[in-house]
Amino acid sequence: MKHALHAAKLLVFDLASTFLFLAVLLTTHNLTLAVALGVALGVGQIAWMLARRQPIDPMQWISIGLVVVAGVASLLTDDPRFVMLKPTVIYCLVGAYMLRPGWLNRYLPPVAIELVSDVAFVFGYVWAVLMFGSAALNIVLALTLDPVTWSAAMSAWGLASKIALFVVQFAAMRLIARRRARARGMGSAAAA
């Protein structure tokens, strides 16, 4: 469970500025405030990591780059359709990143990499499919819903789909790791 929480923490940290943007837009309906807070959080995260000399993963750069670039463009255009279609670009870029073999290893403990790296490899592509599917769904919803309804729908979909896939992935990898550990005589190593 400790490793699952660590992975979840990394993922939430990587996407925090995007989550904040959506939450503020949904609750306040204020595009300017949502963009400003999302950009401020993203820039703050990168500055904090640079100050602490921590490595910055490409996923973090993608997230902050898109929030800043799309946020500034949203403010300049003041067009809700631009804001509504922006996640499609984000989902496609993140999906493309997730096509990189081994990207998921950052979120896994060493014992999982040892026992189920092949399963993680497959789940890396499953995550990419989820991102591309979410991009397609976002186009449909952005062109058919008002901004507030769209924000609620995409927020619910984004959270629910990622939690569901995370739970399925975690359960499958843990089950397979335990079986492989027993077969190798590792016993409780996979239980960590």
C-alpha atoms as a PDB file:
ATOM      1  CA  MET A   1       0.000   0.000   0.000  1.00  0.00           C
ATOM      2  CA  LYS A   2       2.935   2.315   0.735  1.00  0.00           C
ATOM      3  CA  HIS A   3       4.095   2.037  -2.876  1.00  0.00           C
ATOM      4  CA  ALA A   4       0.600   2.717  -4.233  1.00  0.00           C
ATOM      5  CA  LEU A   5       0.370   5.884  -2.161  1.00  0.00           C
ATOM      6  CA  HIS A   6       3.812   6.979  -3.354  1.00  0.00           C
ATOM      7  CA  ALA A   7       2.812   6.448  -6.996  1.00  0.00           C
ATOM      8  CA  ALA A   8      -0.474   8.297  -6.476  1.00  0.00           C
ATOM      9  CA  LYS A   9       1.392  11.167  -4.805  1.00  0.00           C
ATOM     10  CA  LEU A  10       3.753  11.505  -7.784  1.00  0.00           C
ATOM     11  CA  LEU A  11       0.884  11.456 -10.260  1.00  0.00           C
ATOM     12  CA  VAL A  12      -1.120  14.045  -8.335  1.00  0.00           C
ATOM     13  CA  PHE A  13       1.986  16.250  -8.041  1.00  0.00           C
ATOM     14  CA  ASP A  14       2.634  15.960 -11.794  1.00  0.00           C
ATOM     15  CA  LEU A  15      -0.922  17.002 -12.652  1.00  0.00           C
ATOM     16  CA  ALA A  16      -1.689  19.326  -9.728  1.00  0.00           C
ATOM     17  CA  SER A  17      -1.763  22.524 -11.776  1.00  0.00           C
ATOM     18  CA  THR A  18      -4.187  20.986 -14.263  1.00  0.00           C
ATOM     19  CA  PHE A  19      -6.418  19.692 -11.456  1.00  0.00           C
ATOM     20  CA  LEU A  20      -6.372  23.089  -9.769  1.00  0.00           C
ATOM     21  CA  PHE A  21      -7.300  24.821 -13.019  1.00  0.00           C
ATOM     22  CA  LEU A  22     -10.304  22.524 -13.535  1.00  0.00           C
ATOM     23  CA  ALA A  23     -11.427  22.742  -9.906  1.00  0.00           C
ATOM     24  CA  VAL A  24     -11.284  26.548  -9.833  1.00  0.00           C
ATOM     25  CA  LEU A  25     -13.060  26.830 -13.190  1.00  0.00           C
ATOM     26  CA  LEU A  26     -15.769  24.433 -12.028  1.00  0.00           C
ATOM     27  CA  THR A  27     -16.348  26.141  -8.689  1.00  0.00           C
ATOM     28  CA  THR A  28     -15.924  29.818  -9.598  1.00  0.00           C
ATOM     29  CA  HIS A  29     -16.694  29.889 -13.364  1.00  0.00           C
ATOM     30  CA  ASN A  30     -13.865  32.427 -13.521  1.00  0.00           C
ATOM     31  CA  LEU A  31     -11.516  31.605 -16.400  1.00  0.00           C
ATOM     32  CA  THR A  32      -8.944  34.244 -15.489  1.00  0.00           C
ATOM     33  CA  LEU A  33      -8.695  33.082 -11.882  1.00  0.00           C
ATOM     34  CA  ALA A  34      -8.506  29.406 -12.901  1.00  0.00           C
ATOM     35  CA  VAL A  35      -5.712  30.067 -15.393  1.00  0.00           C
ATOM     36  CA  ALA A  36      -3.783  32.325 -13.022  1.00  0.00           C
ATOM     37  CA  LEU A  37      -3.899  29.850 -10.141  1.00  0.00           C
ATOM     38  CA  GLY A  38      -3.047  26.861 -12.359  1.00  0.00           C
ATOM     39  CA  VAL A  39      -0.072  28.668 -13.884  1.00  0.00           C
ATOM     40  CA  ALA A  40       1.099  29.950 -10.481  1.00  0.00           C
ATOM     41  CA  LEU A  41       0.976  26.464  -8.960  1.00  0.00           C
ATOM     42  CA  GLY A  42       2.778  24.885 -11.918  1.00  0.00           C
ATOM     43  CA  VAL A  43       5.532  27.501 -11.992  1.00  0.00           C
ATOM     44  CA  GLY A  44       5.837  27.287  -8.199  1.00  0.00           C
ATOM     45  CA  GLN A  45       6.264  23.510  -8.328  1.00  0.00           C
ATOM     46  CA  ILE A  46       9.032  23.721 -10.929  1.00  0.00           C
ATOM     47  CA  ALA A  47      10.780  26.552  -9.047  1.00  0.00           C
ATOM     48  CA  TRP A  48      10.601  24.573  -5.799  1.00  0.00           C
ATOM     49  CA  MET A  49      12.095  21.489  -7.458  1.00  0.00           C
ATOM     50  CA  LEU A  50      14.832  23.502  -9.144  1.00  0.00           C
ATOM     51  CA  ALA A  51      15.678  25.220  -5.854  1.00  0.00           C
ATOM     52  CA  ARG A  52      15.969  21.829  -4.168  1.00  0.00           C
ATOM     53  CA  ARG A  53      18.002  20.498  -7.123  1.00  0.00           C
ATOM     54  CA  GLN A  54      15.513  17.695  -7.691  1.00  0.00           C
ATOM     55  CA  PRO A  55      15.257  16.090 -11.120  1.00  0.00           C
ATOM     56  CA  ILE A  56      12.210  17.157 -13.089  1.00  0.00           C
ATOM     57  CA  ASP A  57      10.527  14.339 -15.009  1.00  0.00           C
ATOM     58  CA  PRO A  58       9.421  15.017 -18.613  1.00  0.00           C
ATOM     59  CA  MET A  59       5.792  14.461 -17.517  1.00  0.00           C
ATOM     60  CA  GLN A  60       6.134  17.415 -15.148  1.00  0.00           C
ATOM     61  CA  TRP A  61       7.596  19.607 -17.891  1.00  0.00           C
ATOM     62  CA  ILE A  62       4.748  18.614 -20.222  1.00  0.00           C
ATOM     63  CA  SER A  63       2.141  19.399 -17.585  1.00  0.00           C
ATOM     64  CA  ILE A  64       3.519  22.803 -16.623  1.00  0.00           C
ATOM     65  CA  GLY A  65       4.336  23.747 -20.200  1.00  0.00           C
ATOM     66  CA  LEU A  66       0.818  23.064 -21.341  1.00  0.00           C
ATOM     67  CA  VAL A  67      -0.747  24.849 -18.403  1.00  0.00           C
ATOM     68  CA  VAL A  68       1.384  27.951 -18.966  1.00  0.00           C
ATOM     69  CA  VAL A  69       1.134  28.062 -22.772  1.00  0.00           C
ATOM     70  CA  ALA A  70      -2.546  27.135 -22.939  1.00  0.00           C
ATOM     71  CA  GLY A  71      -3.342  29.337 -19.949  1.00  0.00           C
ATOM     72  CA  VAL A  72      -1.772  32.414 -21.494  1.00  0.00           C
ATOM     73  CA  ALA A  73      -3.458  31.670 -24.824  1.00  0.00           C
ATOM     74  CA  SER A  74      -6.800  31.270 -23.024  1.00  0.00           C
ATOM     75  CA  LEU A  75      -6.388  34.653 -21.369  1.00  0.00           C
ATOM     76  CA  LEU A  76      -5.415  36.325 -24.632  1.00  0.00           C
ATOM     77  CA  THR A  77      -8.301  34.872 -26.629  1.00  0.00           C
ATOM     78  CA  ASP A  78     -10.913  34.819 -23.834  1.00  0.00           C
ATOM     79  CA  ASP A  79     -12.601  32.102 -25.878  1.00  0.00           C
ATOM     80  CA  PRO A  80     -14.255  29.329 -23.850  1.00  0.00           C
ATOM     81  CA  ARG A  81     -13.980  26.899 -26.786  1.00  0.00           C
ATOM     82  CA  PHE A  82     -10.212  27.262 -26.697  1.00  0.00           C
ATOM     83  CA  VAL A  83     -10.194  26.439 -23.001  1.00  0.00           C
ATOM     84  CA  MET A  84     -12.560  23.555 -23.554  1.00  0.00           C
ATOM     85  CA  LEU A  85     -10.482  22.047 -26.362  1.00  0.00           C
ATOM     86  CA  LYS A  86      -7.162  22.586 -24.572  1.00  0.00           C
ATOM     87  CA  PRO A  87      -7.414  19.269 -22.651  1.00  0.00           C
ATOM     88  CA  THR A  88      -7.576  17.443 -25.986  1.00  0.00           C
ATOM     89  CA  VAL A  89      -4.086  18.712 -26.781  1.00  0.00           C
ATOM     90  CA  ILE A  90      -2.940  17.853 -23.260  1.00  0.00           C
ATOM     91  CA  TYR A  91      -4.377  14.346 -23.456  1.00  0.00           C
ATOM     92  CA  CYS A  92      -2.768  13.764 -26.859  1.00  0.00           C
ATOM     93  CA  LEU A  93       0.653  14.995 -25.732  1.00  0.00           C
ATOM     94  CA  VAL A  94       0.505  12.990 -22.517  1.00  0.00           C
ATOM     95  CA  GLY A  95      -0.740   9.961 -24.479  1.00  0.00           C
ATOM     96  CA  ALA A  96       2.174  10.323 -26.893  1.00  0.00           C
ATOM     97  CA  TYR A  97       4.572  10.542 -23.939  1.00  0.00           C
ATOM     98  CA  MET A  98       2.990   7.401 -22.509  1.00  0.00           C
ATOM     99  CA  LEU A  99       3.829   5.529 -25.702  1.00  0.00           C
ATOM    100  CA  ARG A 100       7.460   5.681 -24.544  1.00  0.00           C
ATOM    101  CA  PRO A 101       8.406   2.224 -23.246  1.00  0.00           C
ATOM    102  CA  GLY A 102       9.190   2.193 -19.538  1.00  0.00           C
ATOM    103  CA  TRP A 103       7.667   5.560 -18.619  1.00  0.00           C
ATOM    104  CA  LEU A 104       5.650   3.869 -15.896  1.00  0.00           C
ATOM    105  CA  ASN A 105       8.781   2.637 -14.079  1.00  0.00           C
ATOM    106  CA  ARG A 106       9.126   6.009 -12.317  1.00  0.00           C
ATOM    107  CA  TYR A 107       6.003   5.195 -10.349  1.00  0.00           C
ATOM    108  CA  LEU A 108       6.998   1.640  -9.386  1.00  0.00           C
ATOM    109  CA  PRO A 109       9.031   0.301  -6.465  1.00  0.00           C
ATOM    110  CA  PRO A 110      12.164  -1.725  -7.328  1.00  0.00           C
ATOM    111  CA  VAL A 111      10.515  -5.074  -6.520  1.00  0.00           C
ATOM    112  CA  ALA A 112       7.736  -4.333  -9.011  1.00  0.00           C
ATOM    113  CA  ILE A 113      10.244  -3.432 -11.695  1.00  0.00           C
ATOM    114  CA  GLU A 114      12.026  -6.710 -11.012  1.00  0.00           C
ATOM    115  CA  LEU A 115       8.897  -8.882 -11.014  1.00  0.00           C
ATOM    116  CA  VAL A 116       6.387  -7.230 -13.333  1.00  0.00           C
ATOM    117  CA  SER A 117       8.243  -4.891 -15.680  1.00  0.00           C
ATOM    118  CA  ASP A 118       6.580  -6.651 -18.620  1.00  0.00           C
ATOM    119  CA  VAL A 119       3.145  -6.010 -17.113  1.00  0.00           C
ATOM    120  CA  ALA A 120       4.081  -2.370 -16.458  1.00  0.00           C
ATOM    121  CA  PHE A 121       5.163  -2.133 -20.097  1.00  0.00           C
ATOM    122  CA  VAL A 122       1.670  -3.216 -21.223  1.00  0.00           C
ATOM    123  CA  PHE A 123      -0.093  -0.944 -18.722  1.00  0.00           C
ATOM    124  CA  GLY A 124       1.988   1.960 -20.030  1.00  0.00           C
ATOM    125  CA  TYR A 125       0.227   1.499 -23.364  1.00  0.00           C
ATOM    126  CA  VAL A 126      -3.159   1.044 -21.673  1.00  0.00           C
ATOM    127  CA  TRP A 127      -2.638   4.447 -20.047  1.00  0.00           C
ATOM    128  CA  ALA A 128      -1.843   5.914 -23.472  1.00  0.00           C
ATOM    129  CA  VAL A 129      -5.081   4.475 -24.884  1.00  0.00           C
ATOM    130  CA  LEU A 130      -6.995   6.058 -21.984  1.00  0.00           C
ATOM    131  CA  MET A 131      -5.406   9.427 -22.771  1.00  0.00           C
ATOM    132  CA  PHE A 132      -6.247   9.250 -26.481  1.00  0.00           C
ATOM    133  CA  GLY A 133      -9.800   8.103 -25.677  1.00  0.00           C
ATOM    134  CA  SER A 134     -10.166  10.995 -23.231  1.00  0.00           C
ATOM    135  CA  ALA A 135      -8.960  13.381 -25.948  1.00  0.00           C
ATOM    136  CA  ALA A 136     -11.650  12.143 -28.319  1.00  0.00           C
ATOM    137  CA  LEU A 137     -14.317  12.354 -25.607  1.00  0.00           C
ATOM    138  CA  ASN A 138     -13.237  15.903 -24.802  1.00  0.00           C
ATOM    139  CA  ILE A 139     -13.688  17.023 -28.411  1.00  0.00           C
ATOM    140  CA  VAL A 140     -17.236  15.673 -28.455  1.00  0.00           C
ATOM    141  CA  LEU A 141     -18.143  17.238 -25.104  1.00  0.00           C
ATOM    142  CA  ALA A 142     -16.431  20.572 -25.820  1.00  0.00           C
ATOM    143  CA  LEU A 143     -18.415  20.981 -29.020  1.00  0.00           C
ATOM    144  CA  THR A 144     -21.759  20.016 -27.479  1.00  0.00           C
ATOM    145  CA  LEU A 145     -21.799  21.322 -23.885  1.00  0.00           C
ATOM    146  CA  ASP A 146     -21.629  24.708 -22.195  1.00  0.00           C
ATOM    147  CA  PRO A 147     -18.364  25.471 -20.310  1.00  0.00           C
ATOM    148  CA  VAL A 148     -19.650  24.680 -16.808  1.00  0.00           C
ATOM    149  CA  THR A 149     -21.302  21.381 -17.790  1.00  0.00           C
ATOM    150  CA  TRP A 150     -18.235  20.464 -19.830  1.00  0.00           C
ATOM    151  CA  SER A 151     -15.958  21.223 -16.858  1.00  0.00           C
ATOM    152  CA  ALA A 152     -18.036  19.033 -14.541  1.00  0.00           C
ATOM    153  CA  ALA A 153     -18.242  16.177 -17.046  1.00  0.00           C
ATOM    154  CA  MET A 154     -14.547  16.171 -17.939  1.00  0.00           C
ATOM    155  CA  SER A 155     -13.509  16.537 -14.307  1.00  0.00           C
ATOM    156  CA  ALA A 156     -15.666  13.572 -13.323  1.00  0.00           C
ATOM    157  CA  TRP A 157     -14.472  11.497 -16.287  1.00  0.00           C
ATOM    158  CA  GLY A 158     -10.837  12.418 -15.748  1.00  0.00           C
ATOM    159  CA  LEU A 159     -10.864  11.512 -12.079  1.00  0.00           C
ATOM    160  CA  ALA A 160     -13.028   8.395 -12.341  1.00  0.00           C
ATOM    161  CA  SER A 161     -11.234   6.914 -15.357  1.00  0.00           C
ATOM    162  CA  LYS A 162      -7.779   7.419 -13.883  1.00  0.00           C
ATOM    163  CA  ILE A 163      -8.716   6.062 -10.468  1.00  0.00           C
ATOM    164  CA  ALA A 164     -10.371   3.029 -12.064  1.00  0.00           C
ATOM    165  CA  LEU A 165      -7.359   2.268 -14.275  1.00  0.00           C
ATOM    166  CA  PHE A 166      -4.970   2.841 -11.368  1.00  0.00           C
ATOM    167  CA  VAL A 167      -6.907   0.365  -9.192  1.00  0.00           C
ATOM    168  CA  VAL A 168      -7.053  -2.248 -11.967  1.00  0.00           C
ATOM    169  CA  GLN A 169      -3.349  -1.803 -12.719  1.00  0.00           C
ATOM    170  CA  PHE A 170      -2.331  -1.946  -9.070  1.00  0.00           C
ATOM    171  CA  ALA A 171      -4.411  -5.054  -8.375  1.00  0.00           C
ATOM    172  CA  ALA A 172      -3.226  -6.865 -11.490  1.00  0.00           C
ATOM    173  CA  MET A 173       0.426  -6.040 -10.945  1.00  0.00           C
ATOM    174  CA  ARG A 174       0.285  -6.972  -7.277  1.00  0.00           C
ATOM    175  CA  LEU A 175      -1.411 -10.309  -8.020  1.00  0.00           C
ATOM    176  CA  ILE A 176       1.072 -11.180 -10.760  1.00  0.00           C
ATOM    177  CA  ALA A 177       4.034 -10.030  -8.653  1.00  0.00           C
ATOM    178  CA  ARG A 178       2.961 -12.214  -5.735  1.00  0.00           C
ATOM    179  CA  ARG A 179       2.580 -15.243  -7.986  1.00  0.00           C
ATOM    180  CA  ARG A 180       5.964 -14.683  -9.573  1.00  0.00           C
ATOM    181  CA  ALA A 181       7.628 -14.069  -6.214  1.00  0.00           C
ATOM    182  CA  ARG A 182       6.233 -17.353  -4.877  1.00  0.00           C
ATOM    183  CA  ALA A 183       7.388 -19.156  -8.019  1.00  0.00           C
ATOM    184  CA  ARG A 184      10.895 -17.743  -7.537  1.00  0.00           C
ATOM    185  CA  GLY A 185      10.871 -18.520  -3.854  1.00  0.00           C
ATOM    186  CA  MET A 186      10.962 -14.841  -2.884  1.00  0.00           C
ATOM    187  CA  GLY A 187       8.067 -15.187  -0.462  1.00  0.00           C
ATOM    188  CA  SER A 188       7.100 -11.881   1.081  1.00  0.00           C
ATOM    189  CA  ALA A 189       9.241  -9.690  -1.203  1.00  0.00           C
ATOM    190  CA  ALA A 190       6.273  -9.038  -3.475  1.00  0.00           C
ATOM    191  CA  ALA A 191       4.015  -8.189  -0.566  1.00  0.00           C
ATOM    192  CA  ALA A 192       5.925  -4.937  -0.028  1.00  0.00           C
END
